[in-house]
């Protein structure tokens, strides 16, 4: 539980870091859509703004995407290894029942788990 809170705080601080750069002068925010929300100015021809958009894309999309891909790939390999050790065929009815039970247990745990505000 403590790791989840720590990683949540890290994610919020990471987002805060990247959202403050336009406030400090690297790129800028602009109104978008029906002029009711703002976002990073994407359509400027200035080199500093284009550089910010590229860096933002890399560090706020590609890097998190690659981390998630690595984590899900590692999880897949662990589950595959455990499945091969137990000898249960995941396509059999027993394998499907076990998979369903695991998914239901995870979903139920998420519903009942409360994150304390203060620890």
N, C-alpha and C. Protein backbone atom coordinates (compact mmCIF):
# COMPACT_ATOMS: atom_id res chain seq x y z
N UNK A 1 0.83 -1.19 0.00
CA UNK A 1 0.00 0.00 0.00
C UNK A 1 0.88 1.26 0.00
N UNK A 2 1.96 1.20 0.78
CA UNK A 2 2.85 2.36 0.88
C UNK A 2 3.50 2.66 -0.47
N UNK A 3 3.87 1.60 -1.21
CA UNK A 3 4.47 1.80 -2.54
C UNK A 3 3.49 2.50 -3.47
N UNK A 4 2.22 2.13 -3.41
CA UNK A 4 1.22 2.75 -4.28
C UNK A 4 1.11 4.24 -4.00
N UNK A 5 1.11 4.60 -2.74
CA UNK A 5 1.03 6.02 -2.38
C UNK A 5 2.29 6.75 -2.84
N UNK A 6 3.44 6.15 -2.63
CA UNK A 6 4.70 6.78 -3.05
C UNK A 6 4.72 6.97 -4.56
N UNK A 7 4.34 5.96 -5.32
CA UNK A 7 4.34 6.09 -6.77
C UNK A 7 3.28 7.07 -7.25
N UNK A 8 2.16 7.17 -6.57
CA UNK A 8 1.14 8.17 -6.91
C UNK A 8 1.68 9.58 -6.70
N UNK A 9 2.37 9.79 -5.59
CA UNK A 9 2.97 11.10 -5.32
C UNK A 9 4.02 11.42 -6.37
N UNK A 10 4.83 10.45 -6.73
CA UNK A 10 5.85 10.66 -7.77
C UNK A 10 5.20 11.04 -9.10
N UNK A 11 4.12 10.37 -9.45
CA UNK A 11 3.42 10.68 -10.71
C UNK A 11 2.86 12.10 -10.69
N UNK A 12 2.28 12.50 -9.57
CA UNK A 12 1.74 13.86 -9.45
C UNK A 12 2.86 14.90 -9.53
N UNK A 13 3.97 14.64 -8.88
CA UNK A 13 5.09 15.58 -8.93
C UNK A 13 5.68 15.67 -10.33
N UNK A 14 5.74 14.55 -11.03
CA UNK A 14 6.23 14.52 -12.41
C UNK A 14 5.31 15.36 -13.30
N UNK A 15 4.01 15.20 -13.13
CA UNK A 15 3.05 15.99 -13.91
C UNK A 15 3.15 17.47 -13.56
N UNK A 16 3.32 17.77 -12.29
CA UNK A 16 3.46 19.16 -11.87
C UNK A 16 4.71 19.78 -12.47
N UNK A 17 5.80 19.03 -12.49
CA UNK A 17 7.04 19.53 -13.09
C UNK A 17 6.81 19.93 -14.54
N UNK A 18 6.23 19.04 -15.32
CA UNK A 18 6.06 19.32 -16.74
C UNK A 18 5.01 20.38 -17.01
N UNK A 19 4.04 20.53 -16.13
CA UNK A 19 3.01 21.56 -16.35
C UNK A 19 3.50 22.95 -15.95
N UNK A 20 4.58 23.05 -15.19
CA UNK A 20 5.08 24.38 -14.80
C UNK A 20 6.03 24.99 -15.84
N UNK A 21 6.61 24.21 -16.72
CA UNK A 21 7.52 24.77 -17.71
C UNK A 21 6.88 25.89 -18.54
N UNK A 22 5.65 25.74 -19.05
CA UNK A 22 5.05 26.86 -19.78
C UNK A 22 4.83 28.10 -18.89
N UNK A 23 4.61 27.89 -17.62
CA UNK A 23 4.44 29.03 -16.72
C UNK A 23 5.76 29.76 -16.49
N UNK A 24 6.87 29.03 -16.66
CA UNK A 24 8.19 29.61 -16.45
C UNK A 24 8.80 30.17 -17.74
N UNK A 25 8.09 30.05 -18.86
CA UNK A 25 8.55 30.67 -20.09
C UNK A 25 8.95 29.73 -21.21
N UNK A 26 9.02 28.42 -20.94
CA UNK A 26 9.33 27.49 -22.02
C UNK A 26 8.02 27.06 -22.64
N UNK A 27 7.69 27.57 -23.80
CA UNK A 27 6.41 27.42 -24.46
C UNK A 27 5.39 28.29 -23.72
N UNK A 28 4.14 28.04 -23.96
CA UNK A 28 3.07 28.80 -23.30
C UNK A 28 1.78 28.00 -23.37
N UNK A 29 0.81 28.43 -22.58
CA UNK A 29 -0.52 27.84 -22.66
C UNK A 29 -1.38 28.72 -23.55
N UNK A 30 -2.33 28.10 -24.25
CA UNK A 30 -3.24 28.84 -25.12
C UNK A 30 -4.63 28.26 -24.98
N UNK A 31 -5.63 29.10 -25.22
CA UNK A 31 -7.01 28.62 -25.19
C UNK A 31 -7.24 27.72 -26.38
N UNK A 32 -8.06 26.71 -26.18
CA UNK A 32 -8.30 25.73 -27.23
C UNK A 32 -9.79 25.40 -27.29
N UNK A 33 -10.21 24.85 -28.41
CA UNK A 33 -11.61 24.45 -28.57
C UNK A 33 -12.51 25.66 -28.54
N UNK A 34 -13.58 25.57 -27.77
CA UNK A 34 -14.50 26.72 -27.69
C UNK A 34 -14.00 27.80 -26.73
N UNK A 35 -12.71 27.83 -26.54
CA UNK A 35 -12.05 28.82 -25.66
C UNK A 35 -12.48 28.66 -24.20
N UNK A 36 -12.73 27.41 -23.80
CA UNK A 36 -13.12 27.16 -22.42
C UNK A 36 -12.07 26.35 -21.66
N UNK A 37 -11.00 25.92 -22.33
CA UNK A 37 -9.91 25.23 -21.65
C UNK A 37 -8.60 25.62 -22.32
N UNK A 38 -7.54 25.37 -21.60
CA UNK A 38 -6.24 25.71 -22.15
C UNK A 38 -5.37 24.47 -22.23
N UNK A 39 -4.39 24.54 -23.11
CA UNK A 39 -3.42 23.47 -23.25
C UNK A 39 -2.14 24.08 -23.79
N UNK A 40 -1.12 23.27 -23.88
CA UNK A 40 0.16 23.74 -24.39
C UNK A 40 -0.04 24.21 -25.83
N UNK A 41 0.62 25.30 -26.16
CA UNK A 41 0.55 25.83 -27.53
C UNK A 41 1.28 24.88 -28.47
N UNK A 42 0.51 24.14 -29.27
CA UNK A 42 1.08 23.12 -30.15
C UNK A 42 1.44 23.68 -31.52
N UNK A 43 0.76 24.72 -31.95
CA UNK A 43 0.83 25.13 -33.34
C UNK A 43 1.68 26.37 -33.58
N UNK A 44 2.71 26.54 -32.81
CA UNK A 44 3.60 27.68 -32.99
C UNK A 44 4.80 27.27 -33.85
N UNK A 45 5.32 28.22 -34.57
CA UNK A 45 6.49 27.92 -35.41
C UNK A 45 7.81 28.28 -34.71
N UNK A 46 7.73 28.75 -33.48
CA UNK A 46 8.96 29.06 -32.73
C UNK A 46 9.70 27.78 -32.40
N UNK A 47 11.02 27.84 -32.49
CA UNK A 47 11.84 26.65 -32.23
C UNK A 47 11.74 26.19 -30.79
N UNK A 48 11.67 27.12 -29.84
CA UNK A 48 11.61 26.71 -28.43
C UNK A 48 10.29 26.01 -28.12
N UNK A 49 9.21 26.46 -28.75
CA UNK A 49 7.91 25.82 -28.54
C UNK A 49 7.90 24.43 -29.17
N UNK A 50 8.45 24.32 -30.38
CA UNK A 50 8.53 23.01 -31.04
C UNK A 50 9.40 22.06 -30.23
N UNK A 51 10.50 22.56 -29.68
CA UNK A 51 11.37 21.73 -28.85
C UNK A 51 10.62 21.25 -27.61
N UNK A 52 9.84 22.13 -26.99
CA UNK A 52 9.08 21.73 -25.81
C UNK A 52 8.06 20.66 -26.14
N UNK A 53 7.38 20.81 -27.27
CA UNK A 53 6.38 19.81 -27.67
C UNK A 53 7.05 18.46 -27.89
N UNK A 54 8.20 18.44 -28.51
CA UNK A 54 8.91 17.18 -28.76
C UNK A 54 9.36 16.56 -27.45
N UNK A 55 9.95 17.37 -26.57
CA UNK A 55 10.41 16.86 -25.27
C UNK A 55 9.22 16.37 -24.44
N UNK A 56 8.13 17.13 -24.48
CA UNK A 56 6.91 16.73 -23.76
C UNK A 56 6.38 15.39 -24.29
N UNK A 57 6.38 15.22 -25.60
CA UNK A 57 5.93 13.97 -26.21
C UNK A 57 6.80 12.80 -25.75
N UNK A 58 8.11 13.02 -25.75
CA UNK A 58 9.03 11.94 -25.38
C UNK A 58 8.87 11.58 -23.90
N UNK A 59 8.93 12.58 -23.02
CA UNK A 59 8.98 12.30 -21.59
C UNK A 59 7.61 12.11 -20.93
N UNK A 60 6.54 12.57 -21.58
CA UNK A 60 5.21 12.42 -20.98
C UNK A 60 4.33 11.44 -21.74
N UNK A 61 4.82 10.93 -22.86
CA UNK A 61 4.07 9.88 -23.57
C UNK A 61 4.94 8.65 -23.83
N UNK A 62 6.03 8.82 -24.54
CA UNK A 62 6.84 7.66 -24.93
C UNK A 62 7.46 6.95 -23.73
N UNK A 63 8.09 7.70 -22.84
CA UNK A 63 8.74 7.07 -21.68
C UNK A 63 7.72 6.33 -20.81
N UNK A 64 6.59 6.98 -20.41
CA UNK A 64 5.60 6.22 -19.64
C UNK A 64 5.04 5.02 -20.40
N UNK A 65 4.86 5.17 -21.71
CA UNK A 65 4.35 4.08 -22.53
C UNK A 65 5.32 2.90 -22.52
N UNK A 66 6.61 3.19 -22.63
CA UNK A 66 7.61 2.12 -22.62
C UNK A 66 7.70 1.47 -21.23
N UNK A 67 7.57 2.25 -20.18
CA UNK A 67 7.58 1.68 -18.83
C UNK A 67 6.40 0.76 -18.64
N UNK A 68 5.22 1.19 -19.08
CA UNK A 68 4.04 0.33 -18.96
C UNK A 68 4.19 -0.93 -19.79
N UNK A 69 4.73 -0.80 -21.00
CA UNK A 69 4.95 -1.97 -21.84
C UNK A 69 5.90 -2.96 -21.19
N UNK A 70 6.98 -2.45 -20.60
CA UNK A 70 7.93 -3.32 -19.90
C UNK A 70 7.26 -4.02 -18.72
N UNK A 71 6.50 -3.27 -17.92
CA UNK A 71 5.85 -3.85 -16.74
C UNK A 71 4.83 -4.92 -17.14
N UNK A 72 4.00 -4.63 -18.14
CA UNK A 72 3.02 -5.62 -18.57
C UNK A 72 3.69 -6.83 -19.21
N UNK A 73 4.78 -6.60 -19.93
CA UNK A 73 5.52 -7.72 -20.51
C UNK A 73 6.12 -8.61 -19.43
N UNK A 74 6.70 -7.99 -18.39
CA UNK A 74 7.27 -8.76 -17.28
C UNK A 74 6.17 -9.53 -16.54
N UNK A 75 5.04 -8.89 -16.34
CA UNK A 75 3.91 -9.56 -15.69
C UNK A 75 3.43 -10.75 -16.53
N UNK A 76 3.36 -10.57 -17.83
CA UNK A 76 2.95 -11.66 -18.72
C UNK A 76 3.91 -12.84 -18.61
N UNK A 77 5.22 -12.54 -18.59
CA UNK A 77 6.20 -13.62 -18.50
C UNK A 77 6.11 -14.36 -17.16
N UNK A 78 5.84 -13.65 -16.07
CA UNK A 78 5.69 -14.29 -14.76
C UNK A 78 4.47 -15.20 -14.76
N UNK A 79 3.36 -14.68 -15.28
CA UNK A 79 2.14 -15.50 -15.32
C UNK A 79 2.34 -16.71 -16.22
N UNK A 80 3.02 -16.52 -17.34
CA UNK A 80 3.28 -17.63 -18.25
C UNK A 80 4.17 -18.69 -17.58
N UNK A 81 5.20 -18.24 -16.86
CA UNK A 81 6.10 -19.17 -16.18
C UNK A 81 5.35 -19.94 -15.08
N UNK A 82 4.52 -19.25 -14.31
CA UNK A 82 3.74 -19.92 -13.27
C UNK A 82 2.78 -20.92 -13.89
N UNK A 83 2.16 -20.53 -15.00
CA UNK A 83 1.25 -21.44 -15.68
C UNK A 83 1.94 -22.69 -16.19
N UNK A 84 3.17 -22.54 -16.68
CA UNK A 84 3.88 -23.71 -17.18
C UNK A 84 4.32 -24.62 -16.03
N UNK A 85 4.60 -24.04 -14.86
CA UNK A 85 4.98 -24.86 -13.71
C UNK A 85 3.80 -25.65 -13.16
N UNK A 86 2.61 -25.08 -13.24
CA UNK A 86 1.44 -25.77 -12.70
C UNK A 86 0.90 -26.79 -13.69
N UNK A 87 1.23 -26.62 -14.95
CA UNK A 87 0.77 -27.57 -15.96
C UNK A 87 -0.67 -27.37 -16.39
N UNK A 88 -1.27 -26.24 -16.01
CA UNK A 88 -2.65 -25.96 -16.40
C UNK A 88 -2.65 -25.26 -17.76
N UNK A 89 -3.40 -25.81 -18.68
CA UNK A 89 -3.54 -25.22 -20.00
C UNK A 89 -4.48 -24.03 -19.89
N UNK A 90 -4.03 -22.81 -20.24
CA UNK A 90 -4.89 -21.64 -20.09
C UNK A 90 -6.13 -21.67 -20.99
N UNK A 91 -6.10 -22.52 -22.03
CA UNK A 91 -7.25 -22.60 -22.92
C UNK A 91 -8.27 -23.64 -22.46
N UNK A 92 -7.91 -24.45 -21.47
CA UNK A 92 -8.86 -25.44 -20.96
C UNK A 92 -9.88 -24.76 -20.07
N UNK A 93 -10.95 -25.47 -19.76
CA UNK A 93 -11.98 -24.90 -18.91
C UNK A 93 -11.44 -24.61 -17.50
N UNK A 94 -10.53 -25.45 -17.01
CA UNK A 94 -9.94 -25.21 -15.69
C UNK A 94 -9.07 -23.95 -15.72
N UNK A 95 -8.30 -23.80 -16.78
CA UNK A 95 -7.45 -22.62 -16.92
C UNK A 95 -8.27 -21.35 -17.02
N UNK A 96 -9.38 -21.42 -17.78
CA UNK A 96 -10.25 -20.25 -17.90
C UNK A 96 -10.92 -19.93 -16.56
N UNK A 97 -11.29 -20.95 -15.82
CA UNK A 97 -11.92 -20.74 -14.50
C UNK A 97 -10.94 -20.10 -13.53
N UNK A 98 -9.70 -20.56 -13.57
CA UNK A 98 -8.68 -19.97 -12.69
C UNK A 98 -8.42 -18.52 -13.09
N UNK A 99 -8.31 -18.25 -14.37
CA UNK A 99 -8.09 -16.88 -14.83
C UNK A 99 -9.24 -15.98 -14.41
N UNK A 100 -10.47 -16.47 -14.56
CA UNK A 100 -11.65 -15.70 -14.16
C UNK A 100 -11.63 -15.43 -12.66
N UNK A 101 -11.25 -16.44 -11.87
CA UNK A 101 -11.19 -16.28 -10.42
C UNK A 101 -10.15 -15.25 -10.02
N UNK A 102 -9.01 -15.27 -10.67
CA UNK A 102 -7.95 -14.30 -10.36
C UNK A 102 -8.42 -12.90 -10.71
N UNK A 103 -9.03 -12.73 -11.86
CA UNK A 103 -9.51 -11.40 -12.27
C UNK A 103 -10.59 -10.91 -11.30
N UNK A 104 -11.52 -11.79 -10.92
CA UNK A 104 -12.55 -11.39 -9.98
C UNK A 104 -11.97 -11.00 -8.62
N UNK A 105 -10.94 -11.73 -8.18
CA UNK A 105 -10.30 -11.42 -6.90
C UNK A 105 -9.62 -10.06 -6.96
N UNK A 106 -8.95 -9.77 -8.07
CA UNK A 106 -8.28 -8.47 -8.20
C UNK A 106 -9.30 -7.35 -8.24
N UNK A 107 -10.37 -7.51 -9.01
CA UNK A 107 -11.40 -6.48 -9.10
C UNK A 107 -12.06 -6.27 -7.75
N UNK A 108 -12.38 -7.35 -7.06
CA UNK A 108 -13.02 -7.24 -5.75
C UNK A 108 -12.09 -6.57 -4.75
N UNK A 109 -10.81 -6.88 -4.81
CA UNK A 109 -9.84 -6.25 -3.92
C UNK A 109 -9.76 -4.75 -4.18
N UNK A 110 -9.83 -4.35 -5.45
CA UNK A 110 -9.79 -2.93 -5.79
C UNK A 110 -11.02 -2.21 -5.25
N UNK A 111 -12.17 -2.87 -5.26
CA UNK A 111 -13.40 -2.26 -4.76
C UNK A 111 -13.35 -2.06 -3.25
N UNK A 112 -12.76 -3.00 -2.55
CA UNK A 112 -12.80 -2.96 -1.08
C UNK A 112 -11.59 -2.30 -0.46
N UNK A 113 -10.56 -2.05 -1.23
CA UNK A 113 -9.35 -1.44 -0.66
C UNK A 113 -9.54 0.06 -0.53
N UNK A 114 -9.30 0.55 0.68
CA UNK A 114 -9.38 1.97 0.93
C UNK A 114 -7.98 2.51 1.09
N UNK A 115 -7.72 3.63 0.43
CA UNK A 115 -6.42 4.27 0.56
C UNK A 115 -6.52 5.30 1.66
N UNK A 116 -5.76 5.16 2.74
CA UNK A 116 -5.84 6.16 3.80
C UNK A 116 -5.25 7.49 3.35
N UNK A 117 -5.88 8.57 3.75
CA UNK A 117 -5.37 9.88 3.39
C UNK A 117 -4.10 10.20 4.17
N UNK A 118 -4.07 9.75 5.40
CA UNK A 118 -2.91 10.01 6.25
C UNK A 118 -2.46 8.69 6.86
N UNK A 119 -1.17 8.47 6.85
CA UNK A 119 -0.69 7.23 7.45
C UNK A 119 0.40 7.49 8.46
